[in-house]
Amino acid sequence: HTLFKGTNRGLAAKCLETARADWNDIVPTLQSGWAERGGGRGSYQPNTLLTASWGAVAAMRLHEATGDASYLERAAGFGRVIMDCQQRAFADGIPVTGFFYSSPQKQSLVHYNHFSFEESPLVGLAALCQALPDHPDWMQWYGAATLHAEHFLKRGAQHTAPYAMLPAGIYTRSEIEQATGFDGFGISRNLKFDE
């Protein structure tokens, strides 16, 4: 919509109409529990984090284009889902946190194997912080982004010195131990893991 607004108003209007129709078709199919905090959530899809991250961005863009405040409410709900997917405390004495799980149930760690989706939670949180500076959840969104940067990205990069490569994910010991053969990601059949 924004791209064509100054050059082709008809196409811009059609793009906005299509975006709103897509939103109205997709968003009602998402679990209503996404916008709620605490227990009692329904089941989540494996891509809950990705859906919530880009849902927040889409809601922001639709609000910018239409001025409809209902998009802001939905964006804030997506922001809460993003935060619920994040590991926000140190576990087992390991000084790494701020990484994400695929859903608030925290059963499956997010691994980004060259799909380039790793920025999605931070893009969503940044869009929320930028668009809603007076929202009650603003500090939590900012804190979630800072936690990820300081305690996951920066700490992970320390382990690849002198290259300072950012980590694409974190693996549990059981995930590593289950690697029994070469799987296309460089894991050797004969690799042994010590405690």
N, C-alpha and C. Protein backbone atom coordinates (compact mmCIF):
# COMPACT_ATOMS: atom_id res chain seq x y z
N HIS A 1 0.82 -1.19 0.00
CA HIS A 1 0.00 0.00 0.00
C HIS A 1 0.87 1.26 0.00
N THR A 2 1.79 1.37 0.94
CA THR A 2 2.63 2.56 1.08
C THR A 2 3.49 2.77 -0.15
N LEU A 3 3.99 1.70 -0.72
CA LEU A 3 4.87 1.79 -1.89
C LEU A 3 4.16 2.44 -3.08
N PHE A 4 2.88 2.14 -3.26
CA PHE A 4 2.13 2.63 -4.42
C PHE A 4 1.29 3.87 -4.13
N LYS A 5 1.24 4.29 -2.90
CA LYS A 5 0.37 5.38 -2.49
C LYS A 5 0.58 6.66 -3.30
N GLY A 6 1.83 6.99 -3.58
CA GLY A 6 2.13 8.22 -4.31
C GLY A 6 2.13 8.07 -5.82
N THR A 7 2.19 6.84 -6.32
CA THR A 7 2.31 6.64 -7.76
C THR A 7 1.10 5.99 -8.42
N ASN A 8 0.39 5.17 -7.67
CA ASN A 8 -0.75 4.46 -8.24
C ASN A 8 -1.79 4.25 -7.14
N ARG A 9 -2.65 5.22 -6.97
CA ARG A 9 -3.62 5.18 -5.87
C ARG A 9 -4.58 4.01 -5.98
N GLY A 10 -4.95 3.65 -7.18
CA GLY A 10 -5.86 2.51 -7.37
C GLY A 10 -5.23 1.22 -6.90
N LEU A 11 -3.98 1.02 -7.28
CA LEU A 11 -3.27 -0.18 -6.85
C LEU A 11 -3.03 -0.15 -5.34
N ALA A 12 -2.72 1.01 -4.80
CA ALA A 12 -2.53 1.14 -3.36
C ALA A 12 -3.80 0.77 -2.61
N ALA A 13 -4.93 1.24 -3.09
CA ALA A 13 -6.21 0.92 -2.45
C ALA A 13 -6.50 -0.57 -2.54
N LYS A 14 -6.19 -1.18 -3.67
CA LYS A 14 -6.41 -2.62 -3.84
C LYS A 14 -5.49 -3.42 -2.91
N CYS A 15 -4.25 -2.99 -2.76
CA CYS A 15 -3.32 -3.67 -1.85
C CYS A 15 -3.83 -3.60 -0.41
N LEU A 16 -4.30 -2.43 -0.01
CA LEU A 16 -4.82 -2.28 1.35
C LEU A 16 -6.08 -3.12 1.55
N GLU A 17 -6.93 -3.14 0.56
CA GLU A 17 -8.15 -3.96 0.64
C GLU A 17 -7.80 -5.44 0.79
N THR A 18 -6.81 -5.89 0.03
CA THR A 18 -6.37 -7.28 0.09
C THR A 18 -5.74 -7.60 1.45
N ALA A 19 -4.92 -6.68 1.95
CA ALA A 19 -4.28 -6.89 3.26
C ALA A 19 -5.33 -7.00 4.37
N ARG A 20 -6.33 -6.14 4.31
CA ARG A 20 -7.39 -6.19 5.33
C ARG A 20 -8.20 -7.49 5.20
N ALA A 21 -8.48 -7.91 3.98
CA ALA A 21 -9.23 -9.16 3.77
C ALA A 21 -8.43 -10.35 4.29
N ASP A 22 -7.12 -10.38 3.99
CA ASP A 22 -6.27 -11.46 4.48
C ASP A 22 -6.26 -11.47 6.01
N TRP A 23 -6.12 -10.30 6.62
CA TRP A 23 -6.12 -10.19 8.08
C TRP A 23 -7.43 -10.75 8.65
N ASN A 24 -8.54 -10.33 8.06
CA ASN A 24 -9.85 -10.76 8.55
C ASN A 24 -10.10 -12.26 8.34
N ASP A 25 -9.43 -12.85 7.36
CA ASP A 25 -9.55 -14.29 7.13
C ASP A 25 -8.67 -15.10 8.08
N ILE A 26 -7.48 -14.59 8.37
CA ILE A 26 -6.49 -15.37 9.12
C ILE A 26 -6.57 -15.17 10.62
N VAL A 27 -6.63 -13.95 11.08
CA VAL A 27 -6.53 -13.68 12.52
C VAL A 27 -7.61 -14.38 13.34
N PRO A 28 -8.86 -14.44 12.89
CA PRO A 28 -9.86 -15.15 13.71
C PRO A 28 -9.58 -16.64 13.87
N THR A 29 -8.76 -17.23 13.01
CA THR A 29 -8.46 -18.66 13.12
C THR A 29 -7.39 -18.95 14.16
N LEU A 30 -6.69 -17.92 14.63
CA LEU A 30 -5.67 -18.12 15.65
C LEU A 30 -6.33 -18.36 17.00
N GLN A 31 -5.65 -19.06 17.87
CA GLN A 31 -6.19 -19.34 19.19
C GLN A 31 -6.48 -18.04 19.93
N SER A 32 -7.68 -17.94 20.50
CA SER A 32 -8.05 -16.73 21.23
C SER A 32 -7.19 -16.56 22.47
N GLY A 33 -6.63 -17.63 22.98
CA GLY A 33 -5.80 -17.57 24.17
C GLY A 33 -4.48 -16.85 23.96
N TRP A 34 -4.15 -16.54 22.72
CA TRP A 34 -2.88 -15.85 22.45
C TRP A 34 -2.79 -14.53 23.17
N ALA A 35 -3.88 -13.83 23.28
CA ALA A 35 -3.83 -12.50 23.86
C ALA A 35 -3.92 -12.52 25.38
N GLU A 36 -4.04 -13.71 25.96
CA GLU A 36 -4.18 -13.82 27.41
C GLU A 36 -2.87 -14.26 28.04
N ARG A 37 -2.61 -13.78 29.25
CA ARG A 37 -1.43 -14.22 29.99
C ARG A 37 -1.89 -15.19 31.07
N GLY A 38 -0.99 -16.00 31.53
CA GLY A 38 -1.33 -16.93 32.59
C GLY A 38 -1.74 -18.28 32.05
N GLY A 39 -2.31 -19.10 32.91
CA GLY A 39 -2.66 -20.47 32.53
C GLY A 39 -3.89 -20.54 31.65
N GLY A 40 -4.27 -21.73 31.32
CA GLY A 40 -5.49 -21.98 30.58
C GLY A 40 -5.40 -21.74 29.09
N ARG A 41 -4.21 -21.69 28.55
CA ARG A 41 -4.10 -21.48 27.11
C ARG A 41 -4.47 -22.75 26.37
N GLY A 42 -4.95 -22.57 25.16
CA GLY A 42 -5.25 -23.73 24.32
C GLY A 42 -3.96 -24.24 23.69
N SER A 43 -4.10 -25.11 22.72
CA SER A 43 -2.92 -25.65 22.06
C SER A 43 -2.37 -24.59 21.11
N TYR A 44 -1.07 -24.64 20.91
CA TYR A 44 -0.40 -23.70 20.03
C TYR A 44 0.17 -24.45 18.84
N GLN A 45 0.24 -23.79 17.73
CA GLN A 45 0.83 -24.38 16.53
C GLN A 45 2.35 -24.33 16.67
N PRO A 46 3.09 -25.18 15.92
CA PRO A 46 4.55 -25.18 16.02
C PRO A 46 5.16 -23.83 15.65
N ASN A 47 4.50 -23.04 14.84
CA ASN A 47 5.06 -21.77 14.39
C ASN A 47 4.45 -20.58 15.14
N THR A 48 4.03 -20.79 16.38
CA THR A 48 3.38 -19.72 17.14
C THR A 48 4.25 -18.48 17.24
N LEU A 49 5.54 -18.64 17.56
CA LEU A 49 6.43 -17.48 17.70
C LEU A 49 6.52 -16.71 16.39
N LEU A 50 6.73 -17.40 15.31
CA LEU A 50 6.85 -16.74 14.01
C LEU A 50 5.55 -16.04 13.62
N THR A 51 4.42 -16.69 13.84
CA THR A 51 3.13 -16.10 13.53
C THR A 51 2.88 -14.85 14.37
N ALA A 52 3.17 -14.94 15.67
CA ALA A 52 2.95 -13.79 16.55
C ALA A 52 3.89 -12.64 16.20
N SER A 53 5.13 -12.96 15.84
CA SER A 53 6.11 -11.92 15.51
C SER A 53 5.68 -11.13 14.28
N TRP A 54 5.36 -11.84 13.22
CA TRP A 54 4.96 -11.14 12.00
C TRP A 54 3.53 -10.62 12.11
N GLY A 55 2.73 -11.23 12.98
CA GLY A 55 1.39 -10.69 13.24
C GLY A 55 1.46 -9.31 13.86
N ALA A 56 2.41 -9.12 14.80
CA ALA A 56 2.60 -7.80 15.41
C ALA A 56 3.00 -6.77 14.37
N VAL A 57 3.90 -7.16 13.48
CA VAL A 57 4.35 -6.23 12.43
C VAL A 57 3.19 -5.92 11.48
N ALA A 58 2.45 -6.93 11.07
CA ALA A 58 1.32 -6.71 10.16
C ALA A 58 0.28 -5.80 10.80
N ALA A 59 0.00 -6.02 12.07
CA ALA A 59 -0.98 -5.19 12.76
C ALA A 59 -0.52 -3.73 12.80
N MET A 60 0.77 -3.52 13.04
CA MET A 60 1.31 -2.15 13.06
C MET A 60 1.14 -1.49 11.68
N ARG A 61 1.46 -2.23 10.64
CA ARG A 61 1.38 -1.67 9.28
C ARG A 61 -0.08 -1.36 8.91
N LEU A 62 -1.00 -2.24 9.30
CA LEU A 62 -2.41 -1.99 9.02
C LEU A 62 -2.92 -0.79 9.81
N HIS A 63 -2.46 -0.64 11.03
CA HIS A 63 -2.84 0.54 11.80
C HIS A 63 -2.32 1.82 11.14
N GLU A 64 -1.06 1.79 10.70
CA GLU A 64 -0.48 2.96 10.02
C GLU A 64 -1.29 3.34 8.78
N ALA A 65 -1.75 2.32 8.05
CA ALA A 65 -2.47 2.57 6.81
C ALA A 65 -3.92 2.98 7.02
N THR A 66 -4.52 2.53 8.13
CA THR A 66 -5.96 2.76 8.31
C THR A 66 -6.32 3.67 9.48
N GLY A 67 -5.43 3.74 10.47
CA GLY A 67 -5.76 4.49 11.69
C GLY A 67 -6.69 3.73 12.63
N ASP A 68 -7.03 2.49 12.31
CA ASP A 68 -7.95 1.68 13.11
C ASP A 68 -7.23 1.16 14.36
N ALA A 69 -7.67 1.60 15.54
CA ALA A 69 -7.03 1.26 16.80
C ALA A 69 -7.15 -0.22 17.16
N SER A 70 -8.10 -0.93 16.56
CA SER A 70 -8.24 -2.36 16.89
C SER A 70 -6.98 -3.14 16.49
N TYR A 71 -6.27 -2.66 15.48
CA TYR A 71 -5.02 -3.31 15.09
C TYR A 71 -3.97 -3.18 16.18
N LEU A 72 -3.96 -2.05 16.88
CA LEU A 72 -3.00 -1.85 17.96
C LEU A 72 -3.26 -2.82 19.11
N GLU A 73 -4.53 -3.04 19.41
CA GLU A 73 -4.88 -3.99 20.47
C GLU A 73 -4.40 -5.40 20.12
N ARG A 74 -4.60 -5.78 18.88
CA ARG A 74 -4.18 -7.11 18.46
C ARG A 74 -2.66 -7.21 18.44
N ALA A 75 -1.98 -6.14 18.03
CA ALA A 75 -0.51 -6.13 18.03
C ALA A 75 0.02 -6.33 19.44
N ALA A 76 -0.58 -5.67 20.42
CA ALA A 76 -0.15 -5.82 21.81
C ALA A 76 -0.36 -7.27 22.26
N GLY A 77 -1.43 -7.90 21.83
CA GLY A 77 -1.66 -9.31 22.15
C GLY A 77 -0.59 -10.19 21.56
N PHE A 78 -0.19 -9.92 20.33
CA PHE A 78 0.90 -10.67 19.71
C PHE A 78 2.20 -10.45 20.49
N GLY A 79 2.41 -9.23 20.98
CA GLY A 79 3.60 -8.93 21.78
C GLY A 79 3.66 -9.77 23.04
N ARG A 80 2.53 -9.98 23.67
CA ARG A 80 2.49 -10.81 24.87
C ARG A 80 2.84 -12.26 24.53
N VAL A 81 2.39 -12.74 23.38
CA VAL A 81 2.73 -14.10 22.96
C VAL A 81 4.24 -14.22 22.73
N ILE A 82 4.83 -13.23 22.06
CA ILE A 82 6.28 -13.24 21.82
C ILE A 82 7.01 -13.35 23.16
N MET A 83 6.62 -12.53 24.13
CA MET A 83 7.29 -12.56 25.43
C MET A 83 7.08 -13.90 26.13
N ASP A 84 5.90 -14.49 25.98
CA ASP A 84 5.63 -15.78 26.61
C ASP A 84 6.46 -16.90 25.98
N CYS A 85 6.93 -16.72 24.77
CA CYS A 85 7.76 -17.72 24.10
C CYS A 85 9.23 -17.60 24.50
N GLN A 86 9.58 -16.56 25.22
CA GLN A 86 10.98 -16.29 25.55
C GLN A 86 11.39 -16.92 26.88
N GLN A 87 12.60 -17.46 26.92
CA GLN A 87 13.21 -17.90 28.17
C GLN A 87 13.74 -16.64 28.85
N ARG A 88 13.21 -16.34 30.02
CA ARG A 88 13.52 -15.07 30.66
C ARG A 88 14.29 -15.22 31.97
N ALA A 89 14.78 -16.42 32.26
CA ALA A 89 15.57 -16.64 33.47
C ALA A 89 16.72 -17.59 33.13
N PHE A 90 17.77 -17.52 33.92
CA PHE A 90 18.87 -18.45 33.73
C PHE A 90 18.44 -19.83 34.23
N ALA A 91 18.86 -20.86 33.53
CA ALA A 91 18.49 -22.23 33.91
C ALA A 91 19.75 -23.06 34.13
N ASP A 92 19.74 -23.86 35.14
CA ASP A 92 20.83 -24.80 35.41
C ASP A 92 22.20 -24.14 35.49
N GLY A 93 22.25 -22.91 35.96
CA GLY A 93 23.52 -22.23 36.12
C GLY A 93 24.19 -21.79 34.84
N ILE A 94 23.48 -21.89 33.73
CA ILE A 94 24.04 -21.48 32.44
C ILE A 94 23.71 -20.00 32.22
N PRO A 95 24.72 -19.15 32.00
CA PRO A 95 24.48 -17.70 31.90
C PRO A 95 23.99 -17.25 30.52
N VAL A 96 23.09 -18.01 29.94
CA VAL A 96 22.51 -17.65 28.65
C VAL A 96 20.99 -17.68 28.82
N THR A 97 20.34 -16.64 28.39
CA THR A 97 18.88 -16.58 28.43
C THR A 97 18.43 -15.59 27.37
N GLY A 98 17.14 -15.38 27.24
CA GLY A 98 16.63 -14.46 26.23
C GLY A 98 16.33 -15.11 24.90
N PHE A 99 16.63 -16.40 24.78
CA PHE A 99 16.33 -17.12 23.54
C PHE A 99 14.85 -17.48 23.52
N PHE A 100 14.40 -18.03 22.40
CA PHE A 100 12.97 -18.26 22.22
C PHE A 100 12.64 -19.74 22.00
N TYR A 101 11.43 -20.07 22.43
CA TYR A 101 10.82 -21.36 22.14
C TYR A 101 9.77 -21.13 21.05
N SER A 102 9.33 -22.18 20.40
CA SER A 102 8.36 -22.03 19.31
C SER A 102 6.95 -21.70 19.81
N SER A 103 6.69 -21.93 21.11
CA SER A 103 5.38 -21.60 21.67
C SER A 103 5.54 -21.26 23.15
N PRO A 104 4.53 -20.66 23.75
CA PRO A 104 4.59 -20.35 25.18
C PRO A 104 4.70 -21.57 26.08
N GLN A 105 4.38 -22.74 25.57
CA GLN A 105 4.51 -23.96 26.36
C GLN A 105 5.97 -24.33 26.61
N LYS A 106 6.87 -23.70 25.86
CA LYS A 106 8.32 -23.87 26.04
C LYS A 106 8.77 -25.33 25.98
N GLN A 107 8.27 -26.05 25.00
CA GLN A 107 8.66 -27.45 24.83
C GLN A 107 9.65 -27.64 23.70
N SER A 108 9.69 -26.70 22.75
CA SER A 108 10.56 -26.85 21.59
C SER A 108 11.36 -25.56 21.37
N LEU A 109 12.68 -25.67 21.50
CA LEU A 109 13.54 -24.52 21.26
C LEU A 109 13.52 -24.15 19.78
N VAL A 110 13.65 -22.88 19.51
CA VAL A 110 13.69 -22.42 18.13
C VAL A 110 15.11 -22.55 17.60
N HIS A 111 15.25 -23.25 16.48
CA HIS A 111 16.53 -23.39 15.80
C HIS A 111 16.38 -22.80 14.41
N TYR A 112 17.21 -21.86 14.08
CA TYR A 112 17.14 -21.22 12.77
C TYR A 112 18.24 -21.77 11.90
N ASN A 113 17.91 -22.74 11.10
CA ASN A 113 18.88 -23.35 10.21
C ASN A 113 18.84 -22.69 8.84
N HIS A 114 19.40 -21.50 8.76
CA HIS A 114 19.57 -20.78 7.51
C HIS A 114 18.26 -20.36 6.84
N PHE A 115 17.18 -20.24 7.60
CA PHE A 115 15.93 -19.76 7.02
C PHE A 115 15.81 -18.25 7.12
N SER A 116 16.65 -17.63 7.92
CA SER A 116 16.67 -16.18 8.11
C SER A 116 15.38 -15.64 8.71
N PHE A 117 14.81 -16.37 9.65
CA PHE A 117 13.64 -15.89 10.37
C PHE A 117 14.01 -15.44 11.78
N GLU A 118 15.28 -15.54 12.14
CA GLU A 118 15.66 -15.28 13.52
C GLU A 118 15.40 -13.85 13.98
N GLU A 119 15.23 -12.95 13.05
CA GLU A 119 14.98 -11.56 13.42
C GLU A 119 13.51 -11.30 13.74
N SER A 120 12.62 -12.22 13.43
CA SER A 120 11.19 -11.94 13.53
C SER A 120 10.71 -11.52 14.92
N PRO A 121 11.12 -12.18 16.03
CA PRO A 121 10.64 -11.70 17.32
C PRO A 121 11.12 -10.28 17.64
N LEU A 122 12.36 -9.98 17.28
CA LEU A 122 12.89 -8.65 17.58
C LEU A 122 12.29 -7.58 16.68
N VAL A 123 11.99 -7.93 15.45
CA VAL A 123 11.32 -6.98 14.56
C VAL A 123 9.93 -6.67 15.13
N GLY A 124 9.23 -7.70 15.59
CA GLY A 124 7.91 -7.50 16.18
C GLY A 124 7.98 -6.65 17.44
N LEU A 125 8.92 -6.97 18.33
CA LEU A 125 9.06 -6.19 19.57
C LEU A 125 9.46 -4.74 19.29
N ALA A 126 10.36 -4.54 18.33
CA ALA A 126 10.78 -3.18 17.98
C ALA A 126 9.63 -2.38 17.39
N ALA A 127 8.82 -3.02 16.55
CA ALA A 127 7.66 -2.33 15.96
C ALA A 127 6.69 -1.91 17.06
N LEU A 128 6.48 -2.78 18.03
CA LEU A 128 5.60 -2.44 19.15
C LEU A 128 6.15 -1.28 19.96
N CYS A 129 7.44 -1.34 20.29
CA CYS A 129 8.07 -0.26 21.08
C CYS A 129 8.00 1.08 20.34
N GLN A 130 8.22 1.04 19.05
CA GLN A 130 8.23 2.27 18.25
C GLN A 130 6.83 2.86 18.12
N ALA A 131 5.86 2.02 17.89
CA ALA A 131 4.50 2.51 17.62
C ALA A 131 3.69 2.81 18.88
N LEU A 132 4.02 2.16 19.98
CA LEU A 132 3.21 2.29 21.19
C LEU A 132 4.07 2.68 22.41
N PRO A 133 4.72 3.84 22.38
CA PRO A 133 5.62 4.21 23.48
C PRO A 133 4.93 4.42 24.82
N ASP A 134 3.63 4.63 24.84
CA ASP A 134 2.90 4.85 26.09
C ASP A 134 2.13 3.62 26.55
N HIS A 135 2.29 2.50 25.87
CA HIS A 135 1.55 1.28 26.22
C HIS A 135 2.08 0.72 27.54
N PRO A 136 1.22 0.15 28.39
CA PRO A 136 1.66 -0.44 29.66
C PRO A 136 2.69 -1.56 29.51
N ASP A 137 2.70 -2.25 28.36
CA ASP A 137 3.65 -3.35 28.14
C ASP A 137 4.96 -2.88 27.51
N TRP A 138 5.11 -1.58 27.26
CA TRP A 138 6.30 -1.08 26.54
C TRP A 138 7.58 -1.54 27.20
N MET A 139 7.72 -1.38 28.50
CA MET A 139 8.96 -1.76 29.18
C MET A 139 9.21 -3.25 29.09
N GLN A 140 8.17 -4.06 29.10
CA GLN A 140 8.35 -5.50 28.96
C GLN A 140 8.84 -5.86 27.56
N TRP A 141 8.29 -5.19 26.54
CA TRP A 141 8.76 -5.43 25.16
C TRP A 141 10.22 -5.04 25.03
N TYR A 142 10.56 -3.87 25.54
CA TYR A 142 11.94 -3.38 25.49
C TYR A 142 12.85 -4.32 26.27
N GLY A 143 12.40 -4.74 27.44
CA GLY A 143 13.18 -5.66 28.25
C GLY A 143 13.41 -6.99 27.56
N ALA A 144 12.41 -7.51 26.87
CA ALA A 144 12.55 -8.78 26.14
C ALA A 144 13.60 -8.66 25.04
N ALA A 145 13.59 -7.54 24.33
CA ALA A 145 14.58 -7.32 23.27
C ALA A 145 15.98 -7.18 23.86
N THR A 146 16.09 -6.46 24.95
CA THR A 146 17.39 -6.27 25.61
C THR A 146 17.92 -7.58 26.17
N LEU A 147 17.05 -8.36 26.78
CA LEU A 147 17.45 -9.66 27.32
C LEU A 147 18.01 -10.55 26.21
N HIS A 148 17.34 -10.56 25.08
CA HIS A 148 17.79 -11.36 23.94
C HIS A 148 19.17 -10.88 23.45
N ALA A 149 19.32 -9.58 23.34
CA ALA A 149 20.59 -9.02 22.84
C ALA A 149 21.74 -9.27 23.82
N GLU A 150 21.51 -8.97 25.08
CA GLU A 150 22.59 -9.03 26.07
C GLU A 150 22.93 -10.44 26.52
N HIS A 151 21.93 -11.27 26.74
CA HIS A 151 22.18 -12.57 27.36
C HIS A 151 22.08 -13.75 26.42
N PHE A 152 21.76 -13.49 25.15
CA PHE A 152 21.79 -14.58 24.17
C PHE A 152 22.75 -14.23 23.03
N LEU A 153 22.47 -13.14 22.32
CA LEU A 153 23.31 -12.81 21.17
C LEU A 153 24.75 -12.48 21.56
N LYS A 154 24.92 -11.54 22.48
CA LYS A 154 26.28 -11.13 22.86
C LYS A 154 27.04 -12.25 23.57
N ARG A 155 26.37 -12.96 24.47
CA ARG A 155 27.05 -14.07 25.16
C ARG A 155 27.35 -15.21 24.20
N GLY A 156 26.46 -15.46 23.28
CA GLY A 156 26.71 -16.50 22.29
C GLY A 156 27.87 -16.14 21.38
N ALA A 157 27.97 -14.89 21.01
CA ALA A 157 29.03 -14.42 20.12
C ALA A 157 30.41 -14.55 20.78
N GLN A 158 30.46 -14.49 22.09
CA GLN A 158 31.74 -14.63 22.80
C GLN A 158 32.36 -16.00 22.56
N HIS A 159 31.56 -17.00 22.29
CA HIS A 159 32.06 -18.35 22.10
C HIS A 159 32.63 -18.60 20.72
N THR A 160 32.52 -17.62 19.84
CA THR A 160 33.07 -17.78 18.49
C THR A 160 34.21 -16.81 18.24
N ALA A 161 34.77 -16.26 19.32
CA ALA A 161 35.89 -15.32 19.19
C ALA A 161 37.00 -15.97 18.37
N PRO A 162 37.65 -15.25 17.53
CA PRO A 162 37.60 -13.79 17.36
C PRO A 162 36.56 -13.33 16.33
N TYR A 163 35.69 -14.22 15.88
CA TYR A 163 34.77 -13.88 14.80
C TYR A 163 33.48 -13.21 15.27
N ALA A 164 33.10 -13.43 16.51
CA ALA A 164 31.89 -12.83 17.09
C ALA A 164 30.64 -13.12 16.26
N MET A 165 30.47 -14.38 15.87
CA MET A 165 29.29 -14.78 15.11
C MET A 165 28.10 -14.90 16.05
N LEU A 166 26.95 -14.42 15.61
CA LEU A 166 25.74 -14.50 16.42
C LEU A 166 25.18 -15.91 16.37
N PRO A 167 24.69 -16.43 17.50
CA PRO A 167 24.14 -17.78 17.50
C PRO A 167 22.81 -17.83 16.76
N ALA A 168 22.56 -18.95 16.11
CA ALA A 168 21.29 -19.15 15.41
C ALA A 168 20.30 -19.89 16.28
N GLY A 169 20.75 -20.42 17.40
CA GLY A 169 19.86 -21.15 18.28
C GLY A 169 20.64 -21.77 19.40
N ILE A 170 19.90 -22.40 20.29
CA ILE A 170 20.49 -23.10 21.42
C ILE A 170 19.90 -24.50 21.42
N TYR A 171 20.69 -25.48 21.84
CA TYR A 171 20.24 -26.87 21.81
C TYR A 171 20.30 -27.45 23.21
N THR A 172 19.35 -28.31 23.53
CA THR A 172 19.39 -29.00 24.81
C THR A 172 20.37 -30.17 24.70
N ARG A 173 20.82 -30.65 25.85
CA ARG A 173 21.73 -31.79 25.85
C ARG A 173 21.08 -33.00 25.16
N SER A 174 19.80 -33.23 25.40
CA SER A 174 19.14 -34.38 24.78
C SER A 174 19.09 -34.25 23.26
N GLU A 175 18.91 -33.04 22.75
CA GLU A 175 18.92 -32.84 21.28
C GLU A 175 20.29 -33.18 20.71
N ILE A 176 21.33 -32.78 21.40
CA ILE A 176 22.69 -33.06 20.93
C ILE A 176 22.96 -34.55 20.99
N GLU A 177 22.56 -35.19 22.08
CA GLU A 177 22.82 -36.61 22.24
C GLU A 177 22.03 -37.47 21.26
N GLN A 178 20.90 -36.97 20.78
CA GLN A 178 20.10 -37.72 19.82
C GLN A 178 20.70 -37.69 18.41
N ALA A 179 21.66 -36.82 18.18
CA ALA A 179 22.30 -36.74 16.87
C ALA A 179 23.16 -37.99 16.67
N THR A 180 22.68 -38.90 15.83
CA THR A 180 23.36 -40.19 15.68
C THR A 180 24.10 -40.34 14.37
N GLY A 181 23.85 -39.48 13.43
CA GLY A 181 24.51 -39.61 12.15
C GLY A 181 24.52 -38.28 11.42
N PHE A 182 25.23 -38.27 10.31
CA PHE A 182 25.30 -37.04 9.53
C PHE A 182 23.90 -36.72 9.00
N ASP A 183 23.44 -35.52 9.27
CA ASP A 183 22.07 -35.17 8.89
C ASP A 183 22.00 -33.98 7.94
N GLY A 184 23.10 -33.64 7.32
CA GLY A 184 23.10 -32.49 6.42
C GLY A 184 23.49 -31.20 7.11
N PHE A 185 23.66 -31.24 8.43
CA PHE A 185 24.05 -30.04 9.15
C PHE A 185 25.43 -30.20 9.77
N GLY A 186 26.22 -31.15 9.29
CA GLY A 186 27.59 -31.28 9.73
C GLY A 186 27.79 -32.16 10.96
N ILE A 187 26.81 -32.95 11.34
CA ILE A 187 26.96 -33.82 12.50
C ILE A 187 27.47 -35.18 12.03
N SER A 188 28.62 -35.56 12.52
CA SER A 188 29.28 -36.80 12.10
C SER A 188 28.66 -38.01 12.79
N ARG A 189 28.66 -39.15 12.12
CA ARG A 189 28.17 -40.40 12.70
C ARG A 189 28.99 -40.83 13.92
N ASN A 190 30.25 -40.53 13.95
CA ASN A 190 31.15 -41.01 15.00
C ASN A 190 31.38 -39.99 16.12
N LEU A 191 30.64 -38.92 16.12
CA LEU A 191 30.84 -37.88 17.12
C LEU A 191 30.37 -38.39 18.48
N LYS A 192 31.23 -38.26 19.50
CA LYS A 192 30.92 -38.70 20.86
C LYS A 192 30.68 -37.46 21.73
N PHE A 193 29.76 -37.57 22.65
CA PHE A 193 29.44 -36.47 23.55
C PHE A 193 29.78 -36.87 24.97
N ASP A 194 30.53 -36.06 25.66
CA ASP A 194 30.86 -36.29 27.05
C ASP A 194 29.92 -35.50 27.93
N GLU A 195 29.75 -35.96 29.17
CA GLU A 195 28.92 -35.25 30.15
C GLU A 195 29.59 -33.96 30.55
